[in-house]
Protein backbone atom coordinates (compact mmCIF):
# COMPACT_ATOMS: atom_id res chain seq x y z
CA MET A 1 71.58 177.85 147.44
CA VAL A 2 73.96 174.98 148.04
CA ALA A 3 73.39 172.66 150.97
CA PRO A 4 76.09 172.63 153.66
CA PRO A 5 78.57 169.75 153.46
CA VAL A 6 77.52 166.51 155.04
CA PRO A 7 79.83 165.78 157.96
CA PHE A 8 81.59 162.49 158.50
CA ALA A 9 79.45 161.96 161.62
CA GLU A 10 76.32 161.69 159.45
CA LEU A 11 77.95 159.05 157.28
CA CYS A 12 78.30 156.88 160.40
CA PRO A 13 75.20 157.77 162.44
CA MET A 14 75.24 156.91 166.13
CA ASP A 15 73.69 158.16 169.33
CA ARG A 16 75.52 161.04 170.91
CA THR A 17 77.43 160.16 174.02
CA PRO A 18 77.84 162.34 177.11
CA MET A 19 81.44 162.90 176.00
CA GLN A 20 80.25 164.27 172.64
CA ASP A 21 77.74 166.53 174.39
CA ALA A 22 80.47 167.85 176.70
CA TYR A 23 82.76 168.44 173.71
CA ARG A 24 79.96 170.33 171.92
CA ARG A 25 79.43 172.56 175.00
CA ALA A 26 83.18 173.21 175.21
CA MET A 27 83.23 174.16 171.51
CA ASP A 28 80.29 176.52 172.10
CA ALA A 29 82.30 178.24 174.85
CA LEU A 30 85.41 178.46 172.65
CA TYR A 31 83.32 179.82 169.79
CA LEU A 32 81.92 182.57 172.03
CA ALA A 33 85.44 183.39 173.24
CA CYS A 34 86.67 183.64 169.63
CA ILE A 35 83.79 185.90 168.66
CA GLY A 36 84.21 188.05 171.78
CA LEU A 37 87.97 188.52 171.38
CA ALA A 38 87.72 189.11 167.63
CA GLY A 39 84.94 191.66 168.17
CA ALA A 40 86.85 193.41 170.94
CA SER A 41 89.89 193.59 168.64
CA VAL A 42 87.86 195.33 165.95
CA VAL A 43 86.45 197.81 168.48
CA VAL A 44 89.92 198.67 169.79
CA ILE A 45 91.23 199.03 166.22
CA THR A 46 88.46 201.52 165.47
CA LEU A 47 89.57 203.58 168.48
CA VAL A 48 93.33 203.32 167.97
CA VAL A 49 93.53 204.19 164.26
CA PRO A 50 91.67 207.53 164.57
CA TRP A 51 93.91 208.40 167.52
CA GLY A 52 96.95 207.89 165.30
CA VAL A 53 95.42 210.09 162.60
CA PHE A 54 94.51 212.76 165.17
CA THR A 55 98.01 212.91 166.66
CA ARG A 56 99.66 213.00 163.25
CA TYR A 57 97.49 215.59 161.49
CA VAL A 58 96.02 217.67 164.32
CA LEU A 59 98.76 217.63 166.94
CA ASN A 60 101.53 217.47 164.29
CA ARG A 61 103.44 214.82 166.21
CA GLY A 62 102.42 211.30 165.37
CA SER A 63 102.21 208.58 167.97
CA ALA A 64 104.38 205.59 167.15
CA TRP A 65 102.18 202.93 168.76
CA PRO A 66 98.73 203.05 167.03
CA GLU A 67 99.81 201.44 163.75
CA PRO A 68 101.68 198.45 165.26
CA MET A 69 98.89 197.96 167.79
CA ALA A 70 96.30 197.92 165.01
CA ILE A 71 98.38 195.36 163.12
CA LEU A 72 98.72 193.12 166.18
CA LEU A 73 94.97 193.34 166.82
CA MET A 74 94.24 192.56 163.17
CA VAL A 75 96.34 189.40 163.44
CA LEU A 76 94.35 188.40 166.53
CA PHE A 77 91.06 189.22 164.80
CA THR A 78 92.05 187.29 161.68
CA PHE A 79 93.05 183.99 163.26
CA LEU A 80 90.34 183.84 165.94
CA GLY A 81 87.72 185.07 163.48
CA ALA A 82 88.78 182.46 160.93
CA ALA A 83 88.32 179.68 163.48
CA ALA A 84 84.85 180.99 164.37
CA CYS A 85 83.93 181.32 160.69
CA TYR A 86 84.92 177.71 160.08
CA ARG A 87 82.65 176.54 162.88
CA ALA A 88 79.75 178.66 161.60
CA ASN A 89 80.41 177.41 158.05
CA SER A 90 80.61 181.01 156.87
CA HIS A 91 83.98 180.99 155.10
CA ILE A 92 84.00 182.07 151.50
CA ALA A 93 83.91 178.94 149.39
CA VAL A 94 83.79 178.17 145.70
CA ASP A 95 81.67 175.06 145.61
CA MET A 96 80.46 175.13 142.02
CA ILE A 97 82.22 171.85 141.18
CA ALA A 98 81.20 170.13 144.42
CA GLY A 99 77.61 171.36 144.00
CA ALA A 100 77.44 169.74 140.55
CA MET A 101 78.51 166.34 141.88
CA PRO A 102 76.16 163.62 143.10
CA PRO A 103 75.62 163.53 146.90
CA PRO A 104 78.03 160.62 147.63
CA ILE A 105 80.91 162.39 145.86
CA ARG A 106 79.93 165.68 147.53
CA ARG A 107 80.21 163.96 150.93
CA MET A 108 83.62 162.54 150.06
CA LEU A 109 84.79 165.99 148.91
CA ALA A 110 83.56 167.53 152.17
CA ILE A 111 85.56 164.95 154.14
CA LEU A 112 88.62 165.59 151.95
CA VAL A 113 88.33 169.35 152.52
CA ASP A 114 88.10 168.84 156.30
CA LEU A 115 91.10 166.50 156.30
CA LEU A 116 93.18 168.93 154.22
CA LEU A 117 92.20 171.82 156.47
CA ALA A 118 93.09 169.72 159.52
CA ALA A 119 96.54 169.03 158.02
CA LEU A 120 97.03 172.74 157.30
CA SER A 121 95.90 173.67 160.82
CA LEU A 122 98.25 171.13 162.36
CA PHE A 123 101.11 172.49 160.24
CA MET A 124 100.32 176.04 161.41
CA VAL A 125 100.15 174.94 165.05
CA VAL A 126 103.53 173.22 164.92
CA TYR A 127 105.40 175.87 162.95
CA GLY A 128 103.51 178.73 164.59
CA LEU A 129 104.70 177.52 167.99
CA GLU A 130 108.21 177.19 166.61
CA LEU A 131 108.00 180.80 165.39
CA CYS A 132 106.80 181.93 168.84
CA VAL A 133 109.65 180.13 170.59
CA THR A 134 112.24 181.46 168.13
CA THR A 135 111.13 185.08 168.57
CA TRP A 136 110.27 184.93 172.28
CA HIS A 137 113.26 187.01 173.43
CA GLN A 138 112.86 189.70 170.80
CA VAL A 139 110.77 192.81 171.46
CA ILE A 140 108.75 195.20 169.34
CA ALA A 141 110.34 198.65 169.17
CA GLU A 142 107.10 200.48 169.99
CA PHE A 143 106.26 198.07 172.82
CA PRO A 144 109.53 197.12 174.55
CA PHE A 145 107.62 195.27 177.27
CA LEU A 146 105.98 192.95 174.72
CA SER A 147 107.72 189.84 173.39
CA THR A 148 107.51 189.31 169.65
CA GLY A 149 106.78 185.66 170.38
CA ILE A 150 103.61 186.65 172.21
CA THR A 151 102.45 188.69 169.24
CA TYR A 152 102.71 185.59 167.04
CA LEU A 153 100.60 183.45 169.44
CA PRO A 154 97.32 184.06 167.55
CA LEU A 155 98.72 181.99 164.67
CA PRO A 156 99.08 178.66 166.53
CA LEU A 157 96.17 179.45 168.87
CA GLY A 158 93.71 180.19 166.06
CA SER A 159 94.95 177.15 164.15
CA ALA A 160 94.50 174.92 167.22
CA LEU A 161 90.96 176.23 167.67
CA THR A 162 90.22 175.55 164.01
CA LEU A 163 91.56 172.03 164.49
CA LEU A 164 89.24 171.52 167.49
CA PHE A 165 86.29 172.76 165.41
CA ILE A 166 87.26 170.37 162.59
CA ILE A 167 87.32 167.50 165.08
CA GLU A 168 83.88 168.55 166.27
CA ARG A 169 82.45 168.63 162.74
CA MET A 170 83.95 165.26 161.80
CA TRP A 171 83.12 163.52 165.10
CA ILE A 172 79.75 165.00 166.05
CA GLY A 173 78.68 167.01 163.02
CA PRO A 174 78.18 170.74 162.50
CA PRO A 175 76.50 172.74 165.25
CA PRO A 176 72.72 172.28 165.11
CA HIS A 177 70.60 175.21 163.99
CA GLY A 178 69.45 175.81 167.57
CA SER A 179 73.01 176.26 168.85
CA ILE A 180 74.75 179.44 169.91
CA VAL A 181 76.31 179.73 166.43
CA TYR A 182 72.93 180.52 164.87
CA ASN A 183 71.26 182.15 167.89
CA ASP A 184 70.57 185.87 167.49
CA SER A 185 68.22 186.19 170.46
CA ALA A 186 70.70 188.36 172.37
CA ILE A 187 70.73 190.81 169.47
CA GLU A 188 66.95 190.74 169.04
CA LYS A 189 66.34 191.56 172.74
CA ASP A 190 68.23 194.88 172.51
């Protein structure tokens, strides 16, 4: 088992300020919102796809909307889920090379990874917003009331959330093991 990356905040230890505590609470709330919306998207997908199959093969007249709706929900699930996975440090990672390095180099690599991911997230925010603005007045054929630009919003939104989670990790450190990210007490009570 490889130890999680050491955040920049641990390289420069300091007492946490009230501002850092408020930021951590805000990130906890955003994390819960990401998990809730991503989970709700998956639930709706599991209801919509069978409906499309039922109308096509049982009623012999397929509905046009289940497939595009499932795709739109998958985009939402993907970008919000990716942000939440980053915060929980549960992304798939190949860290064989980093794990073989001495701790100081491992820390520098962790910082480099966070900086590169921040640059990628910033790129996706800027160009994702540009994509939304460019396609704002177009509509989806199956949903004429829905702007195409709105359907692309999960791209810059998820990227902005990832950027906020990167700032948290570099400024304050990863969520502590007692935080909402690692808390399964709500599941255990059921």
